[in-house]
PDB file of N, CA and C in Angstrom:
ATOM      1  N   LEU A   1     -13.958   4.001  -1.148  1.00  0.00           N
ATOM      2  CA  LEU A   1     -13.395   2.671  -0.968  1.00  0.00           C
ATOM      3  C   LEU A   1     -14.180   1.903   0.099  1.00  0.00           C
ATOM      4  N   VAL A   2     -14.518   2.571   1.182  1.00  0.00           N
ATOM      5  CA  VAL A   2     -15.256   1.918   2.265  1.00  0.00           C
ATOM      6  C   VAL A   2     -16.576   1.361   1.749  1.00  0.00           C
ATOM      7  N   GLU A   3     -17.328   2.182   1.050  1.00  0.00           N
ATOM      8  CA  GLU A   3     -18.630   1.734   0.545  1.00  0.00           C
ATOM      9  C   GLU A   3     -18.478   0.615  -0.478  1.00  0.00           C
ATOM     10  N   ALA A   4     -17.469   0.702  -1.327  1.00  0.00           N
ATOM     11  CA  ALA A   4     -17.234  -0.356  -2.319  1.00  0.00           C
ATOM     12  C   ALA A   4     -16.891  -1.671  -1.632  1.00  0.00           C
ATOM     13  N   LEU A   5     -16.069  -1.624  -0.596  1.00  0.00           N
ATOM     14  CA  LEU A   5     -15.718  -2.849   0.140  1.00  0.00           C
ATOM     15  C   LEU A   5     -16.937  -3.447   0.834  1.00  0.00           C
ATOM     16  N   LYS A   6     -17.789  -2.610   1.377  1.00  0.00           N
ATOM     17  CA  LYS A   6     -19.003  -3.106   2.042  1.00  0.00           C
ATOM     18  C   LYS A   6     -19.950  -3.758   1.034  1.00  0.00           C
ATOM     19  N   ARG A   7     -20.131  -3.124  -0.120  1.00  0.00           N
ATOM     20  CA  ARG A   7     -20.992  -3.700  -1.166  1.00  0.00           C
ATOM     21  C   ARG A   7     -20.427  -5.032  -1.659  1.00  0.00           C
ATOM     22  N   LEU A   8     -19.125  -5.073  -1.854  1.00  0.00           N
ATOM     23  CA  LEU A   8     -18.473  -6.290  -2.326  1.00  0.00           C
ATOM     24  C   LEU A   8     -18.642  -7.425  -1.322  1.00  0.00           C
ATOM     25  N   TYR A   9     -18.536  -7.107  -0.062  1.00  0.00           N
ATOM     26  CA  TYR A   9     -18.673  -8.108   1.003  1.00  0.00           C
ATOM     27  C   TYR A   9     -20.064  -8.741   0.984  1.00  0.00           C
ATOM     28  N   LYS A  10     -21.064  -7.941   0.687  1.00  0.00           N
ATOM     29  CA  LYS A  10     -22.440  -8.450   0.639  1.00  0.00           C
ATOM     30  C   LYS A  10     -22.673  -9.363  -0.566  1.00  0.00           C
ATOM     31  N   ARG A  11     -21.932  -9.123  -1.647  1.00  0.00           N
ATOM     32  CA  ARG A  11     -22.161  -9.850  -2.897  1.00  0.00           C
ATOM     33  C   ARG A  11     -21.370 -11.147  -3.018  1.00  0.00           C
ATOM     34  N   VAL A  12     -20.256 -11.258  -2.326  1.00  0.00           N
ATOM     35  CA  VAL A  12     -19.379 -12.414  -2.491  1.00  0.00           C
ATOM     36  C   VAL A  12     -19.444 -13.281  -1.237  1.00  0.00           C
ATOM     37  N   GLU A  13     -19.627 -14.576  -1.441  1.00  0.00           N
ATOM     38  CA  GLU A  13     -19.778 -15.488  -0.306  1.00  0.00           C
ATOM     39  C   GLU A  13     -18.486 -15.629   0.503  1.00  0.00           C
ATOM     40  N   THR A  14     -17.378 -15.887  -0.170  1.00  0.00           N
ATOM     41  CA  THR A  14     -16.089 -15.997   0.527  1.00  0.00           C
ATOM     42  C   THR A  14     -14.998 -15.350  -0.317  1.00  0.00           C
ATOM     43  N   PHE A  15     -13.973 -14.881   0.366  1.00  0.00           N
ATOM     44  CA  PHE A  15     -12.840 -14.249  -0.300  1.00  0.00           C
ATOM     45  C   PHE A  15     -11.569 -15.039  -0.023  1.00  0.00           C
ATOM     46  N   ASN A  16     -10.742 -15.181  -1.018  1.00  0.00           N
ATOM     47  CA  ASN A  16      -9.373 -15.631  -0.800  1.00  0.00           C
ATOM     48  C   ASN A  16      -8.518 -14.404  -0.526  1.00  0.00           C
ATOM     49  N   GLY A  17      -8.899 -13.305  -1.130  1.00  0.00           N
ATOM     50  CA  GLY A  17      -8.183 -12.057  -0.943  1.00  0.00           C
ATOM     51  C   GLY A  17      -8.693 -10.996  -1.883  1.00  0.00           C
ATOM     52  N   ILE A  18      -8.310  -9.784  -1.595  1.00  0.00           N
ATOM     53  CA  ILE A  18      -8.661  -8.641  -2.435  1.00  0.00           C
ATOM     54  C   ILE A  18      -7.368  -7.878  -2.694  1.00  0.00           C
ATOM     55  N   ILE A  19      -7.185  -7.494  -3.934  1.00  0.00           N
ATOM     56  CA  ILE A  19      -6.040  -6.656  -4.281  1.00  0.00           C
ATOM     57  C   ILE A  19      -6.582  -5.289  -4.664  1.00  0.00           C
ATOM     58  N   ILE A  20      -6.066  -4.269  -4.011  1.00  0.00           N
ATOM     59  CA  ILE A  20      -6.445  -2.897  -4.334  1.00  0.00           C
ATOM     60  C   ILE A  20      -5.220  -2.252  -4.954  1.00  0.00           C
ATOM     61  N   GLU A  21      -5.330  -1.882  -6.211  1.00  0.00           N
ATOM     62  CA  GLU A  21      -4.202  -1.315  -6.925  1.00  0.00           C
ATOM     63  C   GLU A  21      -4.418   0.191  -7.061  1.00  0.00           C
ATOM     64  N   THR A  22      -3.447   0.960  -6.602  1.00  0.00           N
ATOM     65  CA  THR A  22      -3.523   2.413  -6.742  1.00  0.00           C
ATOM     66  C   THR A  22      -2.520   2.815  -7.809  1.00  0.00           C
ATOM     67  N   THR A  23      -2.999   3.033  -8.986  1.00  0.00           N
ATOM     68  CA  THR A  23      -2.155   3.309 -10.134  1.00  0.00           C
ATOM     69  C   THR A  23      -1.326   4.562  -9.941  1.00  0.00           C
ATOM     70  N   GLY A  24      -0.080   4.452 -10.360  1.00  0.00           N
ATOM     71  CA  GLY A  24       0.800   5.614 -10.361  1.00  0.00           C
ATOM     72  C   GLY A  24       1.218   6.057  -8.979  1.00  0.00           C
ATOM     73  N   LEU A  25       1.447   7.338  -8.860  1.00  0.00           N
ATOM     74  CA  LEU A  25       1.911   7.892  -7.596  1.00  0.00           C
ATOM     75  C   LEU A  25       0.723   8.265  -6.734  1.00  0.00           C
ATOM     76  N   ALA A  26       0.382   7.376  -5.828  1.00  0.00           N
ATOM     77  CA  ALA A  26      -0.730   7.614  -4.918  1.00  0.00           C
ATOM     78  C   ALA A  26      -0.243   7.422  -3.495  1.00  0.00           C
ATOM     79  N   ASP A  27      -0.765   8.217  -2.593  1.00  0.00           N
ATOM     80  CA  ASP A  27      -0.431   8.088  -1.182  1.00  0.00           C
ATOM     81  C   ASP A  27      -1.143   6.843  -0.648  1.00  0.00           C
ATOM     82  N   PRO A  28      -0.397   5.856  -0.172  1.00  0.00           N
ATOM     83  CA  PRO A  28      -1.027   4.620   0.289  1.00  0.00           C
ATOM     84  C   PRO A  28      -1.712   4.740   1.658  1.00  0.00           C
ATOM     85  N   ALA A  29      -1.395   5.762   2.414  1.00  0.00           N
ATOM     86  CA  ALA A  29      -1.905   5.877   3.788  1.00  0.00           C
ATOM     87  C   ALA A  29      -3.434   5.838   3.868  1.00  0.00           C
ATOM     88  N   PRO A  30      -4.173   6.613   3.078  1.00  0.00           N
ATOM     89  CA  PRO A  30      -5.637   6.565   3.192  1.00  0.00           C
ATOM     90  C   PRO A  30      -6.225   5.187   2.877  1.00  0.00           C
ATOM     91  N   VAL A  31      -5.631   4.493   1.912  1.00  0.00           N
ATOM     92  CA  VAL A  31      -6.117   3.159   1.572  1.00  0.00           C
ATOM     93  C   VAL A  31      -5.874   2.213   2.739  1.00  0.00           C
ATOM     94  N   ILE A  32      -4.698   2.262   3.315  1.00  0.00           N
ATOM     95  CA  ILE A  32      -4.350   1.397   4.445  1.00  0.00           C
ATOM     96  C   ILE A  32      -5.233   1.724   5.655  1.00  0.00           C
ATOM     97  N   GLN A  33      -5.439   2.997   5.913  1.00  0.00           N
ATOM     98  CA  GLN A  33      -6.254   3.416   7.057  1.00  0.00           C
ATOM     99  C   GLN A  33      -7.680   2.889   6.974  1.00  0.00           C
ATOM    100  N   THR A  34      -8.169   2.703   5.765  1.00  0.00           N
ATOM    101  CA  THR A  34      -9.518   2.179   5.563  1.00  0.00           C
ATOM    102  C   THR A  34      -9.734   0.890   6.349  1.00  0.00           C
ATOM    103  N   PHE A  35      -8.714   0.073   6.452  1.00  0.00           N
ATOM    104  CA  PHE A  35      -8.840  -1.234   7.100  1.00  0.00           C
ATOM    105  C   PHE A  35      -8.710  -1.165   8.623  1.00  0.00           C
ATOM    106  N   PHE A  36      -8.419   0.007   9.149  1.00  0.00           N
ATOM    107  CA  PHE A  36      -8.257   0.162  10.598  1.00  0.00           C
ATOM    108  C   PHE A  36      -9.239   1.152  11.221  1.00  0.00           C
ATOM    109  N   VAL A  37      -9.760   2.068  10.448  1.00  0.00           N
ATOM    110  CA  VAL A  37     -10.600   3.142  10.981  1.00  0.00           C
ATOM    111  C   VAL A  37     -12.070   2.749  11.037  1.00  0.00           C
ATOM    112  N   ASP A  38     -12.568   2.162   9.983  1.00  0.00           N
ATOM    113  CA  ASP A  38     -13.981   1.795   9.911  1.00  0.00           C
ATOM    114  C   ASP A  38     -14.208   0.463  10.628  1.00  0.00           C
ATOM    115  N   GLU A  39     -15.079   0.467  11.637  1.00  0.00           N
ATOM    116  CA  GLU A  39     -15.311  -0.734  12.459  1.00  0.00           C
ATOM    117  C   GLU A  39     -15.871  -1.904  11.640  1.00  0.00           C
ATOM    118  N   GLN A  40     -16.786  -1.620  10.725  1.00  0.00           N
ATOM    119  CA  GLN A  40     -17.349  -2.697   9.907  1.00  0.00           C
ATOM    120  C   GLN A  40     -16.284  -3.320   9.010  1.00  0.00           C
ATOM    121  N   ILE A  41     -15.477  -2.497   8.403  1.00  0.00           N
ATOM    122  CA  ILE A  41     -14.418  -2.992   7.520  1.00  0.00           C
ATOM    123  C   ILE A  41     -13.427  -3.832   8.329  1.00  0.00           C
ATOM    124  N   LYS A  42     -13.112  -3.400   9.546  1.00  0.00           N
ATOM    125  CA  LYS A  42     -12.203  -4.168  10.403  1.00  0.00           C
ATOM    126  C   LYS A  42     -12.736  -5.570  10.660  1.00  0.00           C
ATOM    127  N   LYS A  43     -14.058  -5.719  10.789  1.00  0.00           N
ATOM    128  CA  LYS A  43     -14.657  -7.028  11.025  1.00  0.00           C
ATOM    129  C   LYS A  43     -14.742  -7.865   9.749  1.00  0.00           C
ATOM    130  N   MET A  44     -14.899  -7.204   8.607  1.00  0.00           N
ATOM    131  CA  MET A  44     -15.077  -7.909   7.339  1.00  0.00           C
ATOM    132  C   MET A  44     -13.770  -8.368   6.708  1.00  0.00           C
ATOM    133  N   TYR A  45     -12.721  -7.572   6.870  1.00  0.00           N
ATOM    134  CA  TYR A  45     -11.474  -7.800   6.149  1.00  0.00           C
ATOM    135  C   TYR A  45     -10.268  -7.735   7.080  1.00  0.00           C
ATOM    136  N   LYS A  46      -9.189  -8.355   6.630  1.00  0.00           N
ATOM    137  CA  LYS A  46      -7.902  -8.277   7.322  1.00  0.00           C
ATOM    138  C   LYS A  46      -6.866  -7.819   6.306  1.00  0.00           C
ATOM    139  N   LEU A  47      -6.162  -6.753   6.617  1.00  0.00           N
ATOM    140  CA  LEU A  47      -5.086  -6.296   5.743  1.00  0.00           C
ATOM    141  C   LEU A  47      -3.904  -7.228   5.940  1.00  0.00           C
ATOM    142  N   ASP A  48      -3.544  -7.935   4.891  1.00  0.00           N
ATOM    143  CA  ASP A  48      -2.462  -8.912   4.974  1.00  0.00           C
ATOM    144  C   ASP A  48      -1.113  -8.268   4.696  1.00  0.00           C
ATOM    145  N   SER A  49      -1.042  -7.487   3.634  1.00  0.00           N
ATOM    146  CA  SER A  49       0.227  -6.838   3.306  1.00  0.00           C
ATOM    147  C   SER A  49       0.013  -5.711   2.313  1.00  0.00           C
ATOM    148  N   VAL A  50       1.027  -4.874   2.235  1.00  0.00           N
ATOM    149  CA  VAL A  50       1.050  -3.775   1.276  1.00  0.00           C
ATOM    150  C   VAL A  50       2.218  -4.052   0.337  1.00  0.00           C
ATOM    151  N   ILE A  51       1.907  -4.182  -0.929  1.00  0.00           N
ATOM    152  CA  ILE A  51       2.914  -4.494  -1.931  1.00  0.00           C
ATOM    153  C   ILE A  51       3.044  -3.292  -2.858  1.00  0.00           C
ATOM    154  N   THR A  52       4.267  -2.872  -3.074  1.00  0.00           N
ATOM    155  CA  THR A  52       4.530  -1.729  -3.943  1.00  0.00           C
ATOM    156  C   THR A  52       5.374  -2.181  -5.121  1.00  0.00           C
ATOM    157  N   VAL A  53       4.989  -1.769  -6.317  1.00  0.00           N
ATOM    158  CA  VAL A  53       5.765  -2.043  -7.517  1.00  0.00           C
ATOM    159  C   VAL A  53       6.618  -0.810  -7.794  1.00  0.00           C
ATOM    160  N   VAL A  54       7.924  -1.035  -7.906  1.00  0.00           N
ATOM    161  CA  VAL A  54       8.881   0.055  -8.080  1.00  0.00           C
ATOM    162  C   VAL A  54       9.517  -0.059  -9.463  1.00  0.00           C
ATOM    163  N   ASP A  55       9.534   1.033 -10.181  1.00  0.00           N
ATOM    164  CA  ASP A  55      10.102   1.120 -11.522  1.00  0.00           C
ATOM    165  C   ASP A  55      11.614   1.349 -11.403  1.00  0.00           C
ATOM    166  N   ALA A  56      12.412   0.357 -11.788  1.00  0.00           N
ATOM    167  CA  ALA A  56      13.871   0.434 -11.630  1.00  0.00           C
ATOM    168  C   ALA A  56      14.475   1.636 -12.363  1.00  0.00           C
ATOM    169  N   LYS A  57      13.896   2.018 -13.448  1.00  0.00           N
ATOM    170  CA  LYS A  57      14.465   3.119 -14.236  1.00  0.00           C
ATOM    171  C   LYS A  57      14.268   4.478 -13.556  1.00  0.00           C
ATOM    172  N   HIS A  58      13.163   4.655 -12.834  1.00  0.00           N
ATOM    173  CA  HIS A  58      12.815   5.986 -12.334  1.00  0.00           C
ATOM    174  C   HIS A  58      12.799   6.144 -10.818  1.00  0.00           C
ATOM    175  N   ILE A  59      12.951   5.065 -10.061  1.00  0.00           N
ATOM    176  CA  ILE A  59      12.706   5.166  -8.622  1.00  0.00           C
ATOM    177  C   ILE A  59      13.690   6.076  -7.884  1.00  0.00           C
ATOM    178  N   ILE A  60      14.956   6.022  -8.172  1.00  0.00           N
ATOM    179  CA  ILE A  60      15.922   6.842  -7.425  1.00  0.00           C
ATOM    180  C   ILE A  60      15.643   8.337  -7.608  1.00  0.00           C
ATOM    181  N   PRO A  61      15.469   8.818  -8.836  1.00  0.00           N
ATOM    182  CA  PRO A  61      15.118  10.247  -8.977  1.00  0.00           C
ATOM    183  C   PRO A  61      13.809  10.609  -8.282  1.00  0.00           C
ATOM    184  N   ARG A  62      12.834   9.688  -8.310  1.00  0.00           N
ATOM    185  CA  ARG A  62      11.551   9.959  -7.639  1.00  0.00           C
ATOM    186  C   ARG A  62      11.739  10.046  -6.130  1.00  0.00           C
ATOM    187  N   LEU A  63      12.542   9.169  -5.562  1.00  0.00           N
ATOM    188  CA  LEU A  63      12.790   9.213  -4.122  1.00  0.00           C
ATOM    189  C   LEU A  63      13.523  10.483  -3.711  1.00  0.00           C
ATOM    190  N   ASP A  64      14.359  10.993  -4.604  1.00  0.00           N
ATOM    191  CA  ASP A  64      15.179  12.168  -4.300  1.00  0.00           C
ATOM    192  C   ASP A  64      14.473  13.494  -4.583  1.00  0.00           C
ATOM    193  N   GLU A  65      13.276  13.442  -5.171  1.00  0.00           N
ATOM    194  CA  GLU A  65      12.542  14.682  -5.465  1.00  0.00           C
ATOM    195  C   GLU A  65      12.279  15.470  -4.191  1.00  0.00           C
ATOM    196  N   VAL A  66      12.543  16.749  -4.247  1.00  0.00           N
ATOM    197  CA  VAL A  66      12.248  17.639  -3.122  1.00  0.00           C
ATOM    198  C   VAL A  66      10.873  18.244  -3.371  1.00  0.00           C
ATOM    199  N   LYS A  67      10.001  18.058  -2.413  1.00  0.00           N
ATOM    200  CA  LYS A  67       8.625  18.553  -2.537  1.00  0.00           C
ATOM    201  C   LYS A  67       8.474  19.828  -1.710  1.00  0.00           C
ATOM    202  N   PRO A  68       7.494  20.657  -2.050  1.00  0.00           N
ATOM    203  CA  PRO A  68       7.237  21.860  -1.263  1.00  0.00           C
ATOM    204  C   PRO A  68       6.837  21.515   0.173  1.00  0.00           C
ATOM    205  N   GLU A  69       7.014  22.449   1.049  1.00  0.00           N
ATOM    206  CA  GLU A  69       6.641  22.287   2.461  1.00  0.00           C
ATOM    207  C   GLU A  69       5.212  21.776   2.577  1.00  0.00           C
ATOM    208  N   GLY A  70       5.023  20.709   3.340  1.00  0.00           N
ATOM    209  CA  GLY A  70       3.693  20.161   3.568  1.00  0.00           C
ATOM    210  C   GLY A  70       3.224  19.179   2.519  1.00  0.00           C
ATOM    211  N   VAL A  71       4.023  18.928   1.488  1.00  0.00           N
ATOM    212  CA  VAL A  71       3.658  17.987   0.426  1.00  0.00           C
ATOM    213  C   VAL A  71       4.515  16.736   0.574  1.00  0.00           C
ATOM    214  N   GLU A  72       3.857  15.589   0.651  1.00  0.00           N
ATOM    215  CA  GLU A  72       4.570  14.327   0.812  1.00  0.00           C
ATOM    216  C   GLU A  72       5.124  13.843  -0.527  1.00  0.00           C
ATOM    217  N   ASN A  73       6.264  13.194  -0.466  1.00  0.00           N
ATOM    218  CA  ASN A  73       6.819  12.529  -1.642  1.00  0.00           C
ATOM    219  C   ASN A  73       6.138  11.160  -1.722  1.00  0.00           C
ATOM    220  N   GLU A  74       5.245  10.989  -2.690  1.00  0.00           N
ATOM    221  CA  GLU A  74       4.455   9.769  -2.789  1.00  0.00           C
ATOM    222  C   GLU A  74       5.321   8.534  -2.980  1.00  0.00           C
ATOM    223  N   SER A  75       6.422   8.666  -3.704  1.00  0.00           N
ATOM    224  CA  SER A  75       7.308   7.516  -3.909  1.00  0.00           C
ATOM    225  C   SER A  75       7.892   7.046  -2.586  1.00  0.00           C
ATOM    226  N   VAL A  76       8.322   7.989  -1.769  1.00  0.00           N
ATOM    227  CA  VAL A  76       8.857   7.644  -0.451  1.00  0.00           C
ATOM    228  C   VAL A  76       7.764   6.983   0.385  1.00  0.00           C
ATOM    229  N   GLU A  77       6.573   7.554   0.370  1.00  0.00           N
ATOM    230  CA  GLU A  77       5.457   7.001   1.140  1.00  0.00           C
ATOM    231  C   GLU A  77       5.162   5.561   0.720  1.00  0.00           C
ATOM    232  N   GLN A  78       5.149   5.313  -0.574  1.00  0.00           N
ATOM    233  CA  GLN A  78       4.850   3.970  -1.062  1.00  0.00           C
ATOM    234  C   GLN A  78       5.897   2.960  -0.602  1.00  0.00           C
ATOM    235  N   VAL A  79       7.159   3.345  -0.662  1.00  0.00           N
ATOM    236  CA  VAL A  79       8.232   2.442  -0.242  1.00  0.00           C
ATOM    237  C   VAL A  79       8.179   2.220   1.268  1.00  0.00           C
ATOM    238  N   VAL A  80       7.961   3.281   2.023  1.00  0.00           N
ATOM    239  CA  VAL A  80       7.940   3.178   3.479  1.00  0.00           C
ATOM    240  C   VAL A  80       6.792   2.296   3.964  1.00  0.00           C
ATOM    241  N   PHE A  81       5.634   2.409   3.350  1.00  0.00           N
ATOM    242  CA  PHE A  81       4.464   1.643   3.781  1.00  0.00           C
ATOM    243  C   PHE A  81       4.490   0.189   3.304  1.00  0.00           C
ATOM    244  N   ALA A  82       5.354  -0.135   2.357  1.00  0.00           N
ATOM    245  CA  ALA A  82       5.353  -1.468   1.743  1.00  0.00           C
ATOM    246  C   ALA A  82       5.902  -2.544   2.664  1.00  0.00           C
ATOM    247  N   ASP A  83       5.209  -3.670   2.687  1.00  0.00           N
ATOM    248  CA  ASP A  83       5.733  -4.868   3.335  1.00  0.00           C
ATOM    249  C   ASP A  83       6.623  -5.629   2.353  1.00  0.00           C
ATOM    250  N   LYS A  84       6.247  -5.511   1.089  1.00  0.00           N
ATOM    251  CA  LYS A  84       7.001  -6.174   0.020  1.00  0.00           C
ATOM    252  C   LYS A  84       7.150  -5.180  -1.132  1.00  0.00           C
ATOM    253  N   ILE A  85       8.297  -5.225  -1.781  1.00  0.00           N
ATOM    254  CA  ILE A  85       8.555  -4.350  -2.929  1.00  0.00           C
ATOM    255  C   ILE A  85       8.904  -5.219  -4.126  1.00  0.00           C
ATOM    256  N   ILE A  86       8.199  -4.997  -5.213  1.00  0.00           N
ATOM    257  CA  ILE A  86       8.487  -5.687  -6.466  1.00  0.00           C
ATOM    258  C   ILE A  86       9.221  -4.689  -7.365  1.00  0.00           C
ATOM    259  N   LEU A  87      10.399  -5.057  -7.785  1.00  0.00           N
ATOM    260  CA  LEU A  87      11.207  -4.203  -8.654  1.00  0.00           C
ATOM    261  C   LEU A  87      10.964  -4.629 -10.092  1.00  0.00           C
ATOM    262  N   ASN A  88      10.331  -3.736 -10.863  1.00  0.00           N
ATOM    263  CA  ASN A  88      10.058  -4.068 -12.262  1.00  0.00           C
ATOM    264  C   ASN A  88      10.904  -3.214 -13.194  1.00  0.00           C
ATOM    265  N   LYS A  89      10.827  -3.518 -14.466  1.00  0.00           N
ATOM    266  CA  LYS A  89      11.603  -2.840 -15.513  1.00  0.00           C
ATOM    267  C   LYS A  89      13.099  -2.920 -15.235  1.00  0.00           C
ATOM    268  N   VAL A  90      13.525  -4.038 -14.660  1.00  0.00           N
ATOM    269  CA  VAL A  90      14.945  -4.205 -14.350  1.00  0.00           C
ATOM    270  C   VAL A  90      15.794  -4.239 -15.613  1.00  0.00           C
ATOM    271  N   ASP A  91      15.177  -4.587 -16.737  1.00  0.00           N
ATOM    272  CA  ASP A  91      15.907  -4.601 -18.006  1.00  0.00           C
ATOM    273  C   ASP A  91      16.309  -3.198 -18.446  1.00  0.00           C
ATOM    274  N   LEU A  92      15.697  -2.167 -17.864  1.00  0.00           N
ATOM    275  CA  LEU A  92      16.032  -0.787 -18.225  1.00  0.00           C
ATOM    276  C   LEU A  92      17.141  -0.203 -17.352  1.00  0.00           C
ATOM    277  N   ALA A  93      17.567  -0.955 -16.345  1.00  0.00           N
ATOM    278  CA  ALA A  93      18.690  -0.495 -15.516  1.00  0.00           C
ATOM    279  C   ALA A  93      19.972  -0.582 -16.339  1.00  0.00           C
ATOM    280  N   LYS A  94      20.915   0.313 -16.025  1.00  0.00           N
ATOM    281  CA  LYS A  94      22.182   0.344 -16.774  1.00  0.00           C
ATOM    282  C   LYS A  94      22.952  -0.956 -16.646  1.00  0.00           C
ATOM    283  N   ASP A  95      23.036  -1.459 -15.402  1.00  0.00           N
ATOM    284  CA  ASP A  95      23.828  -2.667 -15.149  1.00  0.00           C
ATOM    285  C   ASP A  95      23.472  -3.235 -13.783  1.00  0.00           C
ATOM    286  N   GLU A  96      24.142  -4.305 -13.410  1.00  0.00           N
ATOM    287  CA  GLU A  96      23.886  -4.956 -12.125  1.00  0.00           C
ATOM    288  C   GLU A  96      24.199  -4.037 -10.947  1.00  0.00           C
ATOM    289  N   ASP A  97      25.208  -3.175 -11.102  1.00  0.00           N
ATOM    290  CA  ASP A  97      25.555  -2.241 -10.023  1.00  0.00           C
ATOM    291  C   ASP A  97      24.406  -1.285  -9.735  1.00  0.00           C
ATOM    292  N   GLU A  98      23.764  -0.810 -10.787  1.00  0.00           N
ATOM    293  CA  GLU A  98      22.625   0.085 -10.584  1.00  0.00           C
ATOM    294  C   GLU A  98      21.485  -0.647  -9.868  1.00  0.00           C
ATOM    295  N   LEU A  99      21.227  -1.878 -10.258  1.00  0.00           N
ATOM    296  CA  LEU A  99      20.189  -2.661  -9.586  1.00  0.00           C
ATOM    297  C   LEU A  99      20.530  -2.880  -8.117  1.00  0.00           C
ATOM    298  N   LYS A 100      21.783  -3.137  -7.828  1.00  0.00           N
ATOM    299  CA  LYS A 100      22.219  -3.322  -6.438  1.00  0.00           C
ATOM    300  C   LYS A 100      22.015  -2.036  -5.650  1.00  0.00           C
ATOM    301  N   THR A 101      22.335  -0.902  -6.246  1.00  0.00           N
ATOM    302  CA  THR A 101      22.132   0.392  -5.603  1.00  0.00           C
ATOM    303  C   THR A 101      20.647   0.612  -5.296  1.00  0.00           C
ATOM    304  N   ILE A 102      19.802   0.287  -6.233  1.00  0.00           N
ATOM    305  CA  ILE A 102      18.348   0.435  -6.046  1.00  0.00           C
ATOM    306  C   ILE A 102      17.881  -0.477  -4.919  1.00  0.00           C
ATOM    307  N   GLU A 103      18.295  -1.723  -4.943  1.00  0.00           N
ATOM    308  CA  GLU A 103      17.885  -2.674  -3.903  1.00  0.00           C
ATOM    309  C   GLU A 103      18.353  -2.203  -2.531  1.00  0.00           C
ATOM    310  N   ASP A 104      19.582  -1.732  -2.449  1.00  0.00           N
ATOM    311  CA  ASP A 104      20.114  -1.231  -1.177  1.00  0.00           C
ATOM    312  C   ASP A 104      19.288  -0.048  -0.686  1.00  0.00           C
ATOM    313  N   ARG A 105      18.923   0.828  -1.592  1.00  0.00           N
ATOM    314  CA  ARG A 105      18.135   2.012  -1.225  1.00  0.00           C
ATOM    315  C   ARG A 105      16.754   1.613  -0.720  1.00  0.00           C
ATOM    316  N   MET A 106      16.172   0.590  -1.302  1.00  0.00           N
ATOM    317  CA  MET A 106      14.843   0.128  -0.884  1.00  0.00           C
ATOM    318  C   MET A 106      14.887  -0.460   0.526  1.00  0.00           C
ATOM    319  N   LYS A 107      16.020  -0.981   0.916  1.00  0.00           N
ATOM    320  CA  LYS A 107      16.150  -1.619   2.237  1.00  0.00           C
ATOM    321  C   LYS A 107      16.382  -0.625   3.359  1.00  0.00           C
ATOM    322  N   LYS A 108      16.665   0.636   3.033  1.00  0.00           N
ATOM    323  CA  LYS A 108      16.921   1.640   4.077  1.00  0.00           C
ATOM    324  C   LYS A 108      15.663   2.002   4.824  1.00  0.00           C
TER     325      LYS A 108
END
């Protein structure tokens, strides 16, 4: 990611922004750290926010998954690191009560 960001910076005159999408269950910490650890990247870019897309149908079971010792729950990590959460597939929720439960859980 570091090398790709450096190459991109050389090729593009100005940026309005960059979106880095980590498909599926990925630990967001290494991606976020990229913008704070590498001195050149810190000068080239500013991390504005971390946005996580949450699947309304599956998020609660994913958050409740018990992982083996030393293994992070990626769903929890994604929610915790997020500045903003987009709740998608709301049409697959059972009812408004389920959506309210999901929203409440995201705010914890």
